[in-house]
Amino acid sequence: MTQVKMTVNGKPASGEVEGRTLLASFLRENLNLTGTHVGCDTSQCGACVVHVDGEAVKACTMLAVEAEGADVKTIEAMANADGSLSVIQQAFQDHHGLQCGFCTPGMVMSASALLKDNPKPTEDEVRHYLDGNICRCTGYHNIVKAIMAASGQDVSALAAE
């Protein structure tokens, strides 16, 4: 067993892990942060996306020991300080960018990373960025619309699919 220490959602976190423990497992099982979902364990679906030192990372492909000393942000920290939904979360709600909700944490975390790097993405840029996130319910149109709305763009002209 190895002791691992990191900052998670602004707070110090540590725990004993096996060398093979995935970051997703550490977050869910050791820290009880279950908003990070595991849908595939093969880096295909994106449900496990978190931010590590400000970069979007699929937590099912990163070992917990690799996050030693890192600053990790999960979906649990995306809401505003007063508990209200963040701009991105509110846009997902307003534009029906979710159905079952399983992919939503990863989509929101990916959207946040995209908008940090590209504050006004085009529809094609959003679709390209989400290439590593799978949603089996919505068909992506409303997810793309929500992300573009969160960026402050007028989405009224986006045709329904």
Protein backbone atom coordinates (compact mmCIF):
# COMPACT_ATOMS: atom_id res chain seq x y z
CA MET A 1 0.00 0.00 0.00
CA THR A 2 1.10 3.53 -0.77
CA GLN A 3 0.08 6.76 0.92
CA VAL A 4 -1.20 9.31 -1.60
CA LYS A 5 -1.86 12.99 -0.92
CA MET A 6 -3.53 15.56 -3.16
CA THR A 7 -5.88 18.50 -3.01
CA VAL A 8 -9.42 17.57 -4.05
CA ASN A 9 -11.99 20.29 -4.56
CA GLY A 10 -9.83 22.71 -2.62
CA LYS A 11 -9.32 20.48 0.42
CA PRO A 12 -6.40 18.25 1.39
CA ALA A 13 -7.11 14.58 0.75
CA SER A 14 -5.06 11.49 1.41
CA GLY A 15 -5.41 7.76 1.65
CA GLU A 16 -3.75 4.39 1.40
CA VAL A 17 -3.96 2.87 -2.08
CA GLU A 18 -2.58 -0.05 -4.00
CA GLY A 19 -0.28 0.97 -6.82
CA ARG A 20 -2.92 -0.12 -9.32
CA THR A 21 -5.78 1.97 -7.83
CA LEU A 22 -7.29 4.25 -10.43
CA LEU A 23 -7.95 7.89 -9.62
CA ALA A 24 -11.66 7.29 -10.32
CA SER A 25 -11.71 4.50 -7.72
CA PHE A 26 -9.82 6.61 -5.17
CA LEU A 27 -12.28 9.48 -5.60
CA ARG A 28 -15.35 7.25 -5.41
CA GLU A 29 -14.31 4.66 -2.84
CA ASN A 30 -11.82 6.45 -0.59
CA LEU A 31 -13.26 9.98 -0.69
CA ASN A 32 -16.93 9.09 -1.35
CA LEU A 33 -17.07 11.54 -4.29
CA THR A 34 -19.41 9.46 -6.40
CA GLY A 35 -20.21 12.13 -8.99
CA THR A 36 -17.25 10.87 -11.00
CA HIS A 37 -18.86 8.01 -12.88
CA VAL A 38 -17.18 4.95 -14.34
CA GLY A 39 -18.91 3.76 -17.45
CA CYS A 40 -16.34 1.75 -19.33
CA ASP A 41 -12.92 1.49 -17.59
CA THR A 42 -11.35 1.82 -21.04
CA SER A 43 -11.25 5.60 -21.62
CA GLN A 44 -14.02 5.42 -24.20
CA CYS A 45 -17.02 7.10 -22.57
CA GLY A 46 -15.72 10.17 -20.70
CA ALA A 47 -18.11 9.75 -17.75
CA CYS A 48 -15.10 9.90 -15.41
CA VAL A 49 -13.61 13.23 -16.56
CA VAL A 50 -12.13 15.33 -13.76
CA HIS A 51 -9.64 18.19 -13.80
CA VAL A 52 -6.09 17.49 -12.65
CA ASP A 53 -3.99 20.61 -12.31
CA GLY A 54 -6.50 22.40 -14.51
CA GLU A 55 -6.55 19.86 -17.35
CA ALA A 56 -9.38 17.50 -18.24
CA VAL A 57 -8.35 13.91 -17.48
CA LYS A 58 -10.21 10.63 -17.72
CA ALA A 59 -9.88 9.39 -14.15
CA CYS A 60 -10.33 5.75 -15.21
CA THR A 61 -6.97 5.89 -17.01
CA MET A 62 -4.92 7.67 -14.34
CA LEU A 63 -3.54 5.96 -11.29
CA ALA A 64 -4.20 7.61 -7.95
CA VAL A 65 -0.44 7.66 -7.26
CA GLU A 66 0.03 9.70 -10.45
CA ALA A 67 -2.11 12.43 -8.87
CA GLU A 68 0.25 12.71 -5.89
CA GLY A 69 0.50 16.41 -4.98
CA ALA A 70 -1.96 17.41 -7.71
CA ASP A 71 -4.95 19.72 -7.54
CA VAL A 72 -8.00 17.63 -8.51
CA LYS A 73 -11.44 19.08 -9.20
CA THR A 74 -14.53 16.89 -9.52
CA ILE A 75 -18.13 17.58 -10.47
CA GLU A 76 -18.92 18.06 -6.78
CA ALA A 77 -16.99 21.34 -6.89
CA MET A 78 -18.62 22.76 -10.02
CA ALA A 79 -21.56 24.50 -8.31
CA ASN A 80 -21.25 28.11 -7.18
CA ALA A 81 -20.13 28.83 -3.61
CA ASP A 82 -23.74 29.41 -2.54
CA GLY A 83 -24.73 25.97 -3.85
CA SER A 84 -26.52 27.25 -6.95
CA LEU A 85 -25.73 25.69 -10.30
CA SER A 86 -22.72 26.96 -12.24
CA VAL A 87 -23.33 28.63 -15.60
CA ILE A 88 -22.53 25.36 -17.38
CA GLN A 89 -24.76 23.27 -15.13
CA GLN A 90 -27.60 25.77 -15.49
CA ALA A 91 -27.22 25.75 -19.28
CA PHE A 92 -27.45 21.93 -19.29
CA GLN A 93 -30.69 22.21 -17.32
CA ASP A 94 -32.11 25.09 -19.38
CA HIS A 95 -31.34 23.46 -22.75
CA HIS A 96 -32.20 19.87 -21.78
CA GLY A 97 -28.60 18.71 -22.18
CA LEU A 98 -29.21 15.61 -20.09
CA GLN A 99 -31.62 12.75 -19.82
CA CYS A 100 -30.53 9.86 -17.64
CA GLY A 101 -27.66 11.95 -16.23
CA PHE A 102 -24.99 9.25 -16.24
CA CYS A 103 -22.72 11.06 -18.70
CA THR A 104 -23.53 14.53 -17.35
CA PRO A 105 -20.67 14.90 -14.83
CA GLY A 106 -18.09 14.05 -17.49
CA MET A 107 -19.81 16.27 -20.04
CA VAL A 108 -19.89 19.22 -17.63
CA MET A 109 -16.23 18.74 -16.69
CA SER A 110 -15.25 18.48 -20.36
CA ALA A 111 -17.34 21.54 -21.22
CA SER A 112 -15.65 23.49 -18.45
CA ALA A 113 -12.20 22.59 -19.80
CA LEU A 114 -13.25 23.49 -23.35
CA LEU A 115 -14.64 26.88 -22.35
CA LYS A 116 -11.52 27.65 -20.33
CA ASP A 117 -9.38 27.10 -23.43
CA ASN A 118 -11.89 28.34 -26.02
CA PRO A 119 -14.44 30.77 -24.53
CA LYS A 120 -16.55 31.06 -27.72
CA PRO A 121 -16.36 27.71 -29.54
CA THR A 122 -18.21 27.03 -32.75
CA GLU A 123 -20.67 24.16 -32.96
CA ASP A 124 -18.07 22.08 -34.83
CA GLU A 125 -15.44 22.83 -32.18
CA VAL A 126 -17.78 21.72 -29.39
CA ARG A 127 -18.64 18.51 -31.23
CA HIS A 128 -14.97 17.80 -31.89
CA TYR A 129 -14.02 18.42 -28.25
CA LEU A 130 -16.74 16.06 -27.02
CA ASP A 131 -15.49 13.27 -29.26
CA GLY A 132 -14.26 11.39 -26.17
CA ASN A 133 -17.57 11.65 -24.30
CA ILE A 134 -20.41 9.26 -25.00
CA CYS A 135 -24.08 9.97 -24.33
CA ARG A 136 -26.45 7.15 -25.12
CA CYS A 137 -29.62 9.21 -24.60
CA THR A 138 -29.62 12.70 -26.07
CA GLY A 139 -28.04 12.59 -29.50
CA TYR A 140 -25.69 15.43 -28.41
CA HIS A 141 -27.63 18.31 -29.98
CA ASN A 142 -28.88 19.72 -26.69
CA ILE A 143 -25.51 19.11 -25.03
CA VAL A 144 -23.80 21.16 -27.75
CA LYS A 145 -26.50 23.80 -27.46
CA ALA A 146 -26.04 23.95 -23.67
CA ILE A 147 -22.27 24.38 -23.95
CA MET A 148 -22.62 27.13 -26.54
CA ALA A 149 -25.25 28.85 -24.37
CA ALA A 150 -22.91 28.62 -21.37
CA SER A 151 -20.33 30.46 -23.45
CA GLY A 152 -22.78 33.33 -23.83
CA GLN A 153 -23.63 32.67 -27.45
CA ASP A 154 -27.10 32.96 -28.93
CA VAL A 155 -28.26 29.40 -29.61
CA SER A 156 -31.75 30.22 -30.84
CA ALA A 157 -30.67 29.67 -34.45
CA LEU A 158 -29.34 26.17 -33.86
CA ALA A 159 -31.67 23.86 -35.69
CA ALA A 160 -33.24 21.02 -33.77
CA GLU A 161 -32.09 17.55 -34.77
